[in-house]
Amino acid sequence: MTLIKSISGIRGTIGGKVGDNLTPVDAVKFASAYGTFLKKGRNSNDNSRLKVVIGRDARISGPMIHNLVQNTLVGLGIDVIDLGLSTTPTVEIAVPLEKADGGIILTASHNPKQWNALKLLNNKGEFLNGNDGAKILEIAEAEAFDFSDVDSLGVVIENSSYMDIHIDEVLEMALVDVETVKAKKFKVVVDGVNSSGGIIIPNLLEQMGVEVVKLYCEPNGHFPHNPEPLKEHLGDICKLVIEEKADFGIVVDPDVDRLAFISNDGEMFGEEYTLVAVADYVLSKIKGNTVSNMSSSRALRDITEKHGGKYYASAVGEVNVVSLMKETNAVIGGEGNGGIIYPQSHYGRDSLVGVALFLTHLAHLDMTVAQLRASYPQYYMSKNKIELTPQIDVDLILKSMTEKYKNEDISTIDGVKIDFPTEWVHLRKSNTEPIIRIYTEASTQKDADILAERFVNELKEIAGI
């Protein structure tokens, strides 16, 4: 089964049987559940029509899913602000600007082209919390939908201007110094993985006076490589950065909420270090706290403490990071997968914000991107996973590991994280795939890999696989 229902939405592969994959029937069912949820939450004295913002990435199934979801909401008597081809952070900023009741982003993020998903937002343009997500799943399961009569159908209002509005908002941020960036005359290669990032990132860069070399920037949904921005998928841009003698390279995923840089020497800057570099700049201007999830690098903690702030670790998941950021009044946060969350813009991962702040940071320094990377604490991660079968009791396995390492610095907020003096391991059940993830970090790649191998073997031994 590739249909994954979670509190953050529904995700699956296109085609196949209803309930097993993301079929048109499943798309309609979950759009109906979301619309019904919004209607149930409505003040009974409020007779105005509900309004939902919709946008999609460029994947091939996008127009089909988009039409199904949009017209389902219309059938529920909900007005739709249709952004068309867009990005996740663009939809997030559009929701409050439109005073909408919610938003839906049609994207499977970094998943390959056969996948798509409905990501659901509240009226602040932020991902739904666990309670609201659970209510939507209940409504979908019960199929408790009540559609509108012909005189009460919603209307569709098309608005294709939001990618430009998003760029304008980013350029107007207080910590973005466009004139200093322009003076540097940077040259940057952009890999937009043939999705909407191929439009919005070059446009942003050009407005900051950057010379752009485009690679895979046609938004046709034919991803030229696995769209997750990891080293093993990015050989083409690494080569092109050197050939073009570019200052650096930028890679985004299909919905533009994950951001990775390629250094001027053609090496990965490291997805984990996207947040570290941007936080270093922000904290140099605004004193405060930071948040990332437990599977993110220790380097952010080091940088935060260098600037006199306090670092906090949340459970994995953007909604958890955002919740802890609000609780601790963090000035910046995000995830080690290249996700930047900057509250002065909005509480969502945003590659445009990350690009603009990184460019400003670099423009104020007299060093290359490779030199900047070398200036940060050096940590290395190993990311592994174990495939699960239905017979395996994951919670029992994690409980056994907790007991085994109870004398170490241990956290069970999200799976099991064991902090050793110079390295750590995080074991957790994935929310989106049937696997256990094993993340490790140490001061050398070899040590991180050895630690990972040790825990993979320990988990397999407990699980009997």
Protein backbone atom coordinates (compact mmCIF):
# COMPACT_ATOMS: atom_id res chain seq x y z
CA MET A 1 0.00 0.00 0.00
CA THR A 2 1.34 3.41 -0.94
CA LEU A 3 -1.52 5.55 0.39
CA ILE A 4 -0.23 7.15 3.58
CA LYS A 5 -2.75 9.00 5.74
CA SER A 6 -1.28 11.16 8.47
CA ILE A 7 -2.21 14.20 10.52
CA SER A 8 -0.37 16.40 8.01
CA GLY A 9 -2.38 15.21 5.01
CA ILE A 10 -2.63 12.34 2.56
CA ARG A 11 0.16 11.11 0.29
CA GLY A 12 0.35 8.31 -2.26
CA THR A 13 1.26 7.11 -5.72
CA ILE A 14 -1.00 7.88 -8.66
CA GLY A 15 -3.17 5.08 -10.11
CA GLY A 16 -4.16 1.68 -8.77
CA LYS A 17 -6.99 0.75 -6.43
CA VAL A 18 -9.07 3.07 -4.27
CA GLY A 19 -7.75 3.14 -0.70
CA ASP A 20 -4.42 1.65 -1.74
CA ASN A 21 -3.07 4.53 -3.81
CA LEU A 22 -3.83 8.21 -4.40
CA THR A 23 -6.68 7.72 -6.86
CA PRO A 24 -9.15 10.42 -7.98
CA VAL A 25 -11.67 8.94 -5.50
CA ASP A 26 -9.19 9.30 -2.61
CA ALA A 27 -8.33 12.89 -3.62
CA VAL A 28 -12.04 13.81 -3.63
CA LYS A 29 -12.66 12.01 -0.33
CA PHE A 30 -9.91 13.81 1.55
CA ALA A 31 -10.67 17.20 -0.01
CA SER A 32 -14.28 16.61 1.12
CA ALA A 33 -13.09 15.75 4.64
CA TYR A 34 -10.96 18.91 4.83
CA GLY A 35 -13.77 21.14 3.54
CA THR A 36 -16.24 19.51 5.95
CA PHE A 37 -13.79 20.06 8.82
CA LEU A 38 -13.62 23.78 7.97
CA LYS A 39 -17.43 24.00 7.81
CA LYS A 40 -17.80 22.26 11.19
CA GLY A 41 -15.35 24.72 12.77
CA ARG A 42 -17.33 27.69 11.50
CA ASN A 43 -19.15 30.02 13.89
CA SER A 44 -22.87 29.21 13.44
CA ASN A 45 -23.68 32.93 13.20
CA ASP A 46 -21.21 33.47 10.36
CA ASN A 47 -23.00 33.19 7.03
CA SER A 48 -20.13 34.33 4.82
CA ARG A 49 -18.61 31.77 2.44
CA LEU A 50 -15.50 29.86 3.45
CA LYS A 51 -12.39 30.53 1.37
CA VAL A 52 -9.45 28.18 0.68
CA VAL A 53 -6.19 28.90 -1.18
CA ILE A 54 -4.89 26.15 -3.49
CA GLY A 55 -1.55 25.81 -5.27
CA ARG A 56 0.44 22.95 -6.78
CA ASP A 57 3.95 22.01 -7.79
CA ALA A 58 4.76 21.05 -11.41
CA ARG A 59 4.48 17.28 -11.13
CA ILE A 60 2.66 15.55 -13.99
CA SER A 61 -0.38 14.54 -11.92
CA GLY A 62 -0.75 18.08 -10.55
CA PRO A 63 -3.43 19.45 -12.93
CA MET A 64 -5.60 16.32 -12.48
CA ILE A 65 -5.45 16.34 -8.67
CA HIS A 66 -5.80 20.13 -8.65
CA ASN A 67 -9.07 20.04 -10.62
CA LEU A 68 -10.51 17.26 -8.47
CA VAL A 69 -9.69 18.99 -5.18
CA GLN A 70 -10.75 22.44 -6.38
CA ASN A 71 -14.13 21.30 -7.67
CA THR A 72 -14.78 19.21 -4.56
CA LEU A 73 -14.42 22.37 -2.45
CA VAL A 74 -16.70 24.24 -4.87
CA GLY A 75 -19.25 21.44 -4.39
CA LEU A 76 -19.08 22.02 -0.63
CA GLY A 77 -19.94 25.69 -1.14
CA ILE A 78 -16.37 26.88 -0.52
CA ASP A 79 -14.72 29.62 -2.62
CA VAL A 80 -11.28 28.76 -3.99
CA ILE A 81 -8.38 31.16 -4.56
CA ASP A 82 -6.47 29.26 -7.25
CA LEU A 83 -2.75 30.14 -7.39
CA GLY A 84 -2.11 27.52 -10.08
CA LEU A 85 1.57 26.56 -10.32
CA SER A 86 3.08 27.67 -7.03
CA THR A 87 5.28 26.67 -4.08
CA THR A 88 4.50 25.49 -0.57
CA PRO A 89 5.77 28.70 1.11
CA THR A 90 3.91 30.84 -1.45
CA VAL A 91 0.60 29.18 -0.56
CA GLU A 92 1.47 29.60 3.13
CA ILE A 93 1.92 33.37 2.83
CA ALA A 94 -1.15 33.71 0.56
CA VAL A 95 -3.59 32.24 3.12
CA PRO A 96 -3.40 35.11 5.67
CA LEU A 97 -3.01 37.75 2.94
CA GLU A 98 -6.27 36.51 1.39
CA LYS A 99 -7.89 36.23 4.86
CA ALA A 100 -8.68 32.64 3.85
CA ASP A 101 -9.92 29.90 6.17
CA GLY A 102 -7.24 27.45 5.06
CA GLY A 103 -5.03 26.23 2.24
CA ILE A 104 -4.14 23.08 0.34
CA ILE A 105 -0.80 22.49 -1.34
CA LEU A 106 -0.78 19.72 -3.91
CA THR A 107 2.73 18.33 -3.74
CA ALA A 108 4.55 15.22 -2.60
CA SER A 109 7.52 17.43 -1.78
CA HIS A 110 10.79 15.49 -2.35
CA ASN A 111 9.06 12.23 -3.41
CA PRO A 112 9.55 10.96 -7.00
CA LYS A 113 7.18 11.88 -9.84
CA GLN A 114 4.68 9.02 -9.32
CA TRP A 115 3.73 10.50 -5.92
CA ASN A 116 1.40 13.35 -5.05
CA ALA A 117 -0.20 14.62 -1.86
CA LEU A 118 -2.64 17.01 -0.23
CA LYS A 119 -0.88 19.13 2.42
CA LEU A 120 -3.37 20.96 4.61
CA LEU A 121 -3.06 24.42 6.20
CA ASN A 122 -5.02 26.36 8.82
CA ASN A 123 -6.13 30.00 8.53
CA LYS A 124 -2.65 31.23 9.51
CA GLY A 125 -1.09 29.41 6.56
CA GLU A 126 0.55 26.90 8.92
CA PHE A 127 0.28 23.12 8.93
CA LEU A 128 -2.59 21.69 10.95
CA ASN A 129 -1.88 20.41 14.45
CA GLY A 130 -2.31 16.76 15.39
CA ASN A 131 -5.81 17.15 16.81
CA ASP A 132 -7.17 18.84 13.69
CA GLY A 133 -5.45 16.31 11.43
CA ALA A 134 -7.01 13.46 13.41
CA LYS A 135 -10.49 15.03 13.07
CA ILE A 136 -10.09 15.19 9.28
CA LEU A 137 -9.09 11.52 9.14
CA GLU A 138 -12.20 10.65 11.18
CA ILE A 139 -14.47 12.65 8.84
CA ALA A 140 -12.88 10.93 5.81
CA GLU A 141 -13.33 7.49 7.36
CA ALA A 142 -17.00 8.15 8.15
CA GLU A 143 -17.56 9.85 4.76
CA ALA A 144 -19.68 12.36 6.68
CA PHE A 145 -19.97 14.90 3.85
CA ASP A 146 -22.86 17.26 3.10
CA PHE A 147 -22.53 18.98 -0.26
CA SER A 148 -24.15 22.30 -1.26
CA ASP A 149 -27.18 22.79 -3.43
CA VAL A 150 -26.87 24.39 -6.87
CA ASP A 151 -27.47 27.94 -5.62
CA SER A 152 -24.80 27.67 -2.92
CA LEU A 153 -21.82 26.34 -4.89
CA GLY A 154 -18.46 27.99 -4.36
CA VAL A 155 -16.63 30.00 -7.01
CA VAL A 156 -13.04 29.83 -8.27
CA ILE A 157 -10.96 33.01 -8.33
CA GLU A 158 -7.69 32.62 -10.22
CA ASN A 159 -4.72 34.61 -8.96
CA SER A 160 -1.36 33.93 -10.58
CA SER A 161 0.43 36.89 -8.98
CA TYR A 162 1.46 35.28 -5.70
CA MET A 163 4.92 34.08 -6.71
CA ASP A 164 5.75 37.74 -7.48
CA ILE A 165 4.12 38.90 -4.23
CA HIS A 166 6.20 36.29 -2.36
CA ILE A 167 9.43 37.57 -3.94
CA ASP A 168 8.49 41.18 -3.07
CA GLU A 169 7.86 40.20 0.57
CA VAL A 170 11.25 38.47 0.81
CA LEU A 171 13.11 41.42 -0.72
CA GLU A 172 11.46 43.80 1.75
CA MET A 173 12.65 41.87 4.83
CA ALA A 174 14.81 44.04 7.11
CA LEU A 175 17.79 41.64 7.09
CA VAL A 176 17.87 41.28 3.28
CA ASP A 177 20.43 43.74 1.84
CA VAL A 178 19.74 43.80 -1.90
CA GLU A 179 22.19 46.63 -2.72
CA THR A 180 25.18 44.92 -1.06
CA VAL A 181 24.31 41.66 -2.86
CA LYS A 182 24.04 43.48 -6.21
CA ALA A 183 27.48 45.05 -5.70
CA LYS A 184 29.06 41.60 -5.35
CA LYS A 185 27.90 40.48 -8.84
CA PHE A 186 27.46 36.87 -7.79
CA LYS A 187 27.06 34.09 -10.35
CA VAL A 188 24.85 31.20 -9.22
CA VAL A 189 23.71 27.91 -10.80
CA VAL A 190 20.11 26.90 -9.99
CA ASP A 191 18.72 23.35 -10.19
CA GLY A 192 14.92 23.68 -10.07
CA VAL A 193 14.29 19.94 -10.66
CA ASN A 194 11.85 20.96 -13.45
CA SER A 195 9.27 22.25 -10.98
CA SER A 196 8.09 25.64 -9.73
CA GLY A 197 11.45 26.39 -8.10
CA GLY A 198 12.80 26.73 -11.64
CA ILE A 199 10.67 29.87 -12.03
CA ILE A 200 10.64 31.51 -8.61
CA ILE A 201 14.29 31.08 -7.53
CA PRO A 202 15.84 32.53 -10.74
CA ASN A 203 13.35 35.44 -10.57
CA LEU A 204 14.34 36.18 -6.98
CA LEU A 205 18.05 36.00 -7.81
CA GLU A 206 17.76 38.26 -10.86
CA GLN A 207 15.99 40.88 -8.76
CA MET A 208 18.96 40.72 -6.36
CA GLY A 209 21.39 41.38 -9.22
CA VAL A 210 22.68 37.81 -9.42
CA GLU A 211 23.74 36.23 -12.74
CA VAL A 212 21.75 32.99 -13.01
CA VAL A 213 22.77 29.80 -14.82
CA LYS A 214 19.65 27.62 -15.11
CA LEU A 215 19.74 23.82 -14.87
CA TYR A 216 16.47 21.83 -15.03
CA CYS A 217 14.31 24.94 -14.62
CA GLU A 218 11.50 23.93 -17.04
CA PRO A 219 8.40 23.35 -14.86
CA ASN A 220 7.20 20.28 -16.79
CA GLY A 221 7.19 17.79 -13.89
CA HIS A 222 9.70 15.43 -15.55
CA PHE A 223 12.21 15.31 -12.72
CA PRO A 224 15.68 14.76 -14.25
CA HIS A 225 16.96 13.09 -11.07
CA ASN A 226 15.55 11.93 -7.75
CA PRO A 227 14.06 15.20 -6.42
CA GLU A 228 15.35 14.82 -2.86
CA PRO A 229 18.31 17.25 -2.71
CA LEU A 230 20.94 14.76 -1.50
CA LYS A 231 24.55 14.47 -2.69
CA GLU A 232 24.00 11.25 -4.66
CA HIS A 233 21.36 12.99 -6.84
CA LEU A 234 23.24 16.22 -7.58
CA GLY A 235 26.23 15.30 -9.73
CA ASP A 236 25.11 17.52 -12.64
CA ILE A 237 24.94 20.78 -10.69
CA CYS A 238 28.18 20.03 -8.79
CA LYS A 239 29.93 19.69 -12.17
CA LEU A 240 28.26 22.77 -13.65
CA VAL A 241 29.21 25.04 -10.71
CA ILE A 242 32.89 24.31 -11.47
CA GLU A 243 32.50 24.59 -15.27
CA GLU A 244 30.73 27.95 -14.94
CA LYS A 245 33.17 29.19 -12.28
CA ALA A 246 30.06 30.07 -10.27
CA ASP A 247 30.13 31.42 -6.73
CA PHE A 248 27.82 28.62 -5.65
CA GLY A 249 24.84 26.49 -6.63
CA ILE A 250 21.26 26.37 -5.33
CA VAL A 251 19.08 23.26 -5.29
CA VAL A 252 15.44 23.15 -4.20
CA ASP A 253 12.92 20.31 -4.07
CA PRO A 254 9.74 20.36 -6.21
CA ASP A 255 7.67 22.47 -3.77
CA VAL A 256 10.57 24.78 -2.77
CA ASP A 257 10.57 24.30 1.01
CA ARG A 258 13.94 22.50 1.13
CA LEU A 259 17.15 24.29 0.20
CA ALA A 260 20.64 22.95 -0.43
CA PHE A 261 23.77 24.80 -1.55
CA ILE A 262 26.73 23.64 -3.63
CA SER A 263 30.02 25.34 -2.69
CA ASN A 264 32.19 27.05 -5.30
CA ASP A 265 34.47 23.97 -5.35
CA GLY A 266 31.59 21.76 -6.53
CA GLU A 267 31.19 20.10 -3.13
CA MET A 268 27.97 19.94 -1.13
CA PHE A 269 27.69 22.73 1.43
CA GLY A 270 25.57 20.22 3.34
CA GLU A 271 21.80 20.39 3.78
CA GLU A 272 22.33 20.45 7.54
CA TYR A 273 24.44 23.58 7.19
CA THR A 274 21.85 25.60 5.23
CA LEU A 275 20.11 26.41 8.53
CA VAL A 276 23.42 26.82 10.37
CA ALA A 277 24.68 29.49 7.93
CA VAL A 278 21.40 31.41 7.79
CA ALA A 279 21.05 31.26 11.59
CA ASP A 280 24.62 32.53 11.97
CA TYR A 281 23.69 35.63 9.96
CA VAL A 282 20.32 36.23 11.66
CA LEU A 283 21.79 35.77 15.17
CA SER A 284 24.57 38.24 14.37
CA LYS A 285 21.84 40.88 13.88
CA ILE A 286 19.09 39.74 16.29
CA LYS A 287 19.92 38.05 19.59
CA GLY A 288 17.65 35.14 20.51
CA ASN A 289 16.92 31.43 20.57
CA THR A 290 16.82 28.78 17.87
CA VAL A 291 14.95 25.52 17.31
CA SER A 292 15.53 22.53 15.05
CA ASN A 293 14.30 18.96 15.23
CA MET A 294 16.12 16.19 17.07
CA SER A 295 17.50 14.70 13.85
CA SER A 296 19.31 17.94 12.96
CA SER A 297 22.99 18.76 13.40
CA ARG A 298 24.57 19.80 16.70
CA ALA A 299 26.22 22.62 14.74
CA LEU A 300 23.12 24.82 15.17
CA ARG A 301 23.39 24.51 18.96
CA ASP A 302 27.07 25.52 18.77
CA ILE A 303 26.35 28.58 16.58
CA THR A 304 23.41 29.63 18.77
CA GLU A 305 25.48 29.45 21.95
CA LYS A 306 28.32 31.37 20.24
CA HIS A 307 25.86 34.24 19.73
CA GLY A 308 24.57 34.04 23.33
CA GLY A 309 21.25 32.34 22.55
CA LYS A 310 19.71 29.08 23.68
CA TYR A 311 19.06 26.11 21.39
CA TYR A 312 15.99 23.85 21.70
CA ALA A 313 15.26 20.51 19.97
CA SER A 314 11.72 19.51 18.96
CA ALA A 315 10.15 16.29 17.76
CA VAL A 316 10.54 15.72 14.01
CA GLY A 317 7.92 17.44 11.85
CA GLU A 318 7.47 21.05 10.81
CA VAL A 319 4.41 21.54 13.02
CA ASN A 320 6.48 20.48 16.07
CA VAL A 321 9.35 22.82 15.19
CA VAL A 322 6.93 25.74 14.74
CA SER A 323 5.16 24.98 18.03
CA LEU A 324 8.46 24.99 19.98
CA MET A 325 9.65 28.12 18.15
CA LYS A 326 6.54 29.97 19.33
CA GLU A 327 6.96 28.60 22.86
CA THR A 328 10.61 29.69 23.12
CA ASN A 329 10.21 32.89 21.06
CA ALA A 330 12.92 31.64 18.68
CA VAL A 331 14.22 34.17 16.13
CA ILE A 332 14.99 31.44 13.59
CA GLY A 333 14.54 27.70 13.31
CA GLY A 334 13.92 24.90 10.90
CA GLU A 335 14.98 21.42 9.99
CA GLY A 336 18.32 19.93 9.06
CA ASN A 337 16.91 18.88 5.69
CA GLY A 338 17.47 22.42 4.41
CA GLY A 339 14.25 23.91 5.78
CA ILE A 340 14.48 27.54 6.99
CA ILE A 341 11.70 28.93 9.20
CA TYR A 342 12.02 32.67 9.82
CA PRO A 343 9.11 34.07 11.87
CA GLN A 344 9.60 37.65 10.60
CA SER A 345 8.37 36.26 7.27
CA HIS A 346 6.07 33.39 8.30
CA TYR A 347 6.06 30.13 10.26
CA GLY A 348 6.85 27.77 7.38
CA ARG A 349 9.93 26.35 5.66
CA ASP A 350 10.82 28.77 2.89
CA SER A 351 13.69 28.42 0.40
CA LEU A 352 13.26 32.00 -0.87
CA VAL A 353 13.82 33.38 2.62
CA GLY A 354 16.84 31.08 2.98
CA VAL A 355 18.36 32.15 -0.36
CA ALA A 356 17.95 35.88 0.31
CA LEU A 357 19.41 35.70 3.84
CA PHE A 358 22.29 33.44 2.71
CA LEU A 359 23.17 35.81 -0.15
CA THR A 360 23.17 38.79 2.23
CA HIS A 361 25.35 36.86 4.72
CA LEU A 362 27.83 35.98 1.96
CA ALA A 363 27.85 39.53 0.57
CA HIS A 364 28.92 40.89 3.96
CA LEU A 365 31.83 38.43 4.20
CA ASP A 366 35.11 38.44 2.32
CA MET A 367 35.22 34.69 1.73
CA THR A 368 34.07 31.98 -0.65
CA VAL A 369 31.20 29.60 0.10
CA ALA A 370 33.73 26.78 0.66
CA GLN A 371 35.60 28.94 3.18
CA LEU A 372 32.33 29.82 4.93
CA ARG A 373 31.48 26.12 5.24
CA ALA A 374 34.95 25.38 6.67
CA SER A 375 34.46 28.10 9.31
CA TYR A 376 31.60 26.18 10.99
CA PRO A 377 31.89 23.35 13.53
CA GLN A 378 32.55 20.16 11.61
CA TYR A 379 30.01 17.42 12.12
CA TYR A 380 29.15 14.52 9.85
CA MET A 381 25.90 12.61 9.65
CA SER A 382 24.88 9.16 8.55
CA LYS A 383 21.22 8.61 7.62
CA ASN A 384 20.02 5.02 7.42
CA LYS A 385 16.76 3.11 7.58
CA ILE A 386 15.42 -0.37 8.21
CA GLU A 387 12.41 -1.60 6.22
CA LEU A 388 9.61 -2.88 8.44
CA THR A 389 7.14 -5.72 8.11
CA PRO A 390 3.66 -5.59 9.69
CA GLN A 391 4.66 -8.25 12.24
CA ILE A 392 7.36 -6.08 13.83
CA ASP A 393 6.39 -4.15 16.99
CA VAL A 394 8.41 -0.96 16.52
CA ASP A 395 7.37 0.60 19.82
CA LEU A 396 8.60 -2.46 21.68
CA ILE A 397 11.96 -2.30 19.86
CA LEU A 398 12.40 1.37 20.75
CA LYS A 399 11.41 0.65 24.36
CA SER A 400 14.14 -2.03 24.52
CA MET A 401 16.72 0.48 23.23
CA THR A 402 15.60 3.04 25.84
CA GLU A 403 16.10 0.50 28.59
CA LYS A 404 19.49 -0.60 27.21
CA TYR A 405 20.85 2.98 27.16
CA LYS A 406 19.01 4.37 30.20
CA ASN A 407 22.27 5.58 31.78
CA GLU A 408 23.05 7.86 28.81
CA ASP A 409 21.59 11.32 28.08
CA ILE A 410 18.37 10.10 26.46
CA SER A 411 15.19 11.68 25.09
CA THR A 412 11.96 9.88 24.17
CA ILE A 413 10.00 12.93 22.90
CA ASP A 414 10.18 11.45 19.40
CA GLY A 415 11.40 7.89 19.14
CA VAL A 416 14.68 7.52 21.04
CA LYS A 417 17.57 9.99 20.90
CA ILE A 418 20.79 9.05 22.72
CA ASP A 419 23.32 11.84 23.23
CA PHE A 420 26.85 10.57 23.82
CA PRO A 421 29.61 13.10 24.71
CA THR A 422 30.91 13.55 21.13
CA GLU A 423 28.19 11.92 19.00
CA TRP A 424 24.48 11.04 18.96
CA VAL A 425 22.00 8.60 17.48
CA HIS A 426 18.29 9.17 16.82
CA LEU A 427 15.97 6.21 16.19
CA ARG A 428 12.40 6.90 15.11
CA LYS A 429 9.46 5.43 13.28
CA SER A 430 8.78 7.38 10.09
CA ASN A 431 5.41 9.16 9.82
CA THR A 432 5.32 8.85 6.04
CA GLU A 433 6.94 5.48 5.21
CA PRO A 434 6.96 1.97 6.82
CA ILE A 435 10.54 2.23 8.13
CA ILE A 436 12.68 2.96 11.20
CA ARG A 437 15.08 5.84 10.55
CA ILE A 438 18.54 5.77 12.13
CA TYR A 439 20.31 9.14 12.17
CA THR A 440 23.79 9.47 13.66
CA GLU A 441 26.24 12.35 13.94
CA ALA A 442 29.91 12.44 14.91
CA SER A 443 33.04 14.52 14.34
CA THR A 444 34.10 12.38 11.33
CA GLN A 445 32.12 10.62 8.62
CA LYS A 446 33.79 7.33 9.52
CA ASP A 447 32.68 7.60 13.16
CA ALA A 448 29.11 8.51 12.13
CA ASP A 449 28.99 5.51 9.77
CA ILE A 450 30.41 3.12 12.40
CA LEU A 451 27.86 4.35 14.98
CA ALA A 452 25.04 3.89 12.45
CA GLU A 453 26.16 0.38 11.56
CA ARG A 454 26.32 -0.55 15.24
CA PHE A 455 22.74 0.61 15.87
CA VAL A 456 21.38 -0.94 12.66
CA ASN A 457 22.77 -4.28 13.86
CA GLU A 458 21.42 -3.79 17.39
CA LEU A 459 17.92 -2.97 16.05
CA LYS A 460 17.96 -5.97 13.69
CA GLU A 461 19.01 -8.24 16.54
CA ILE A 462 16.14 -7.04 18.77
CA ALA A 463 13.67 -7.26 15.86
CA GLY A 464 14.92 -10.70 14.82
CA ILE A 465 15.54 -9.68 11.19
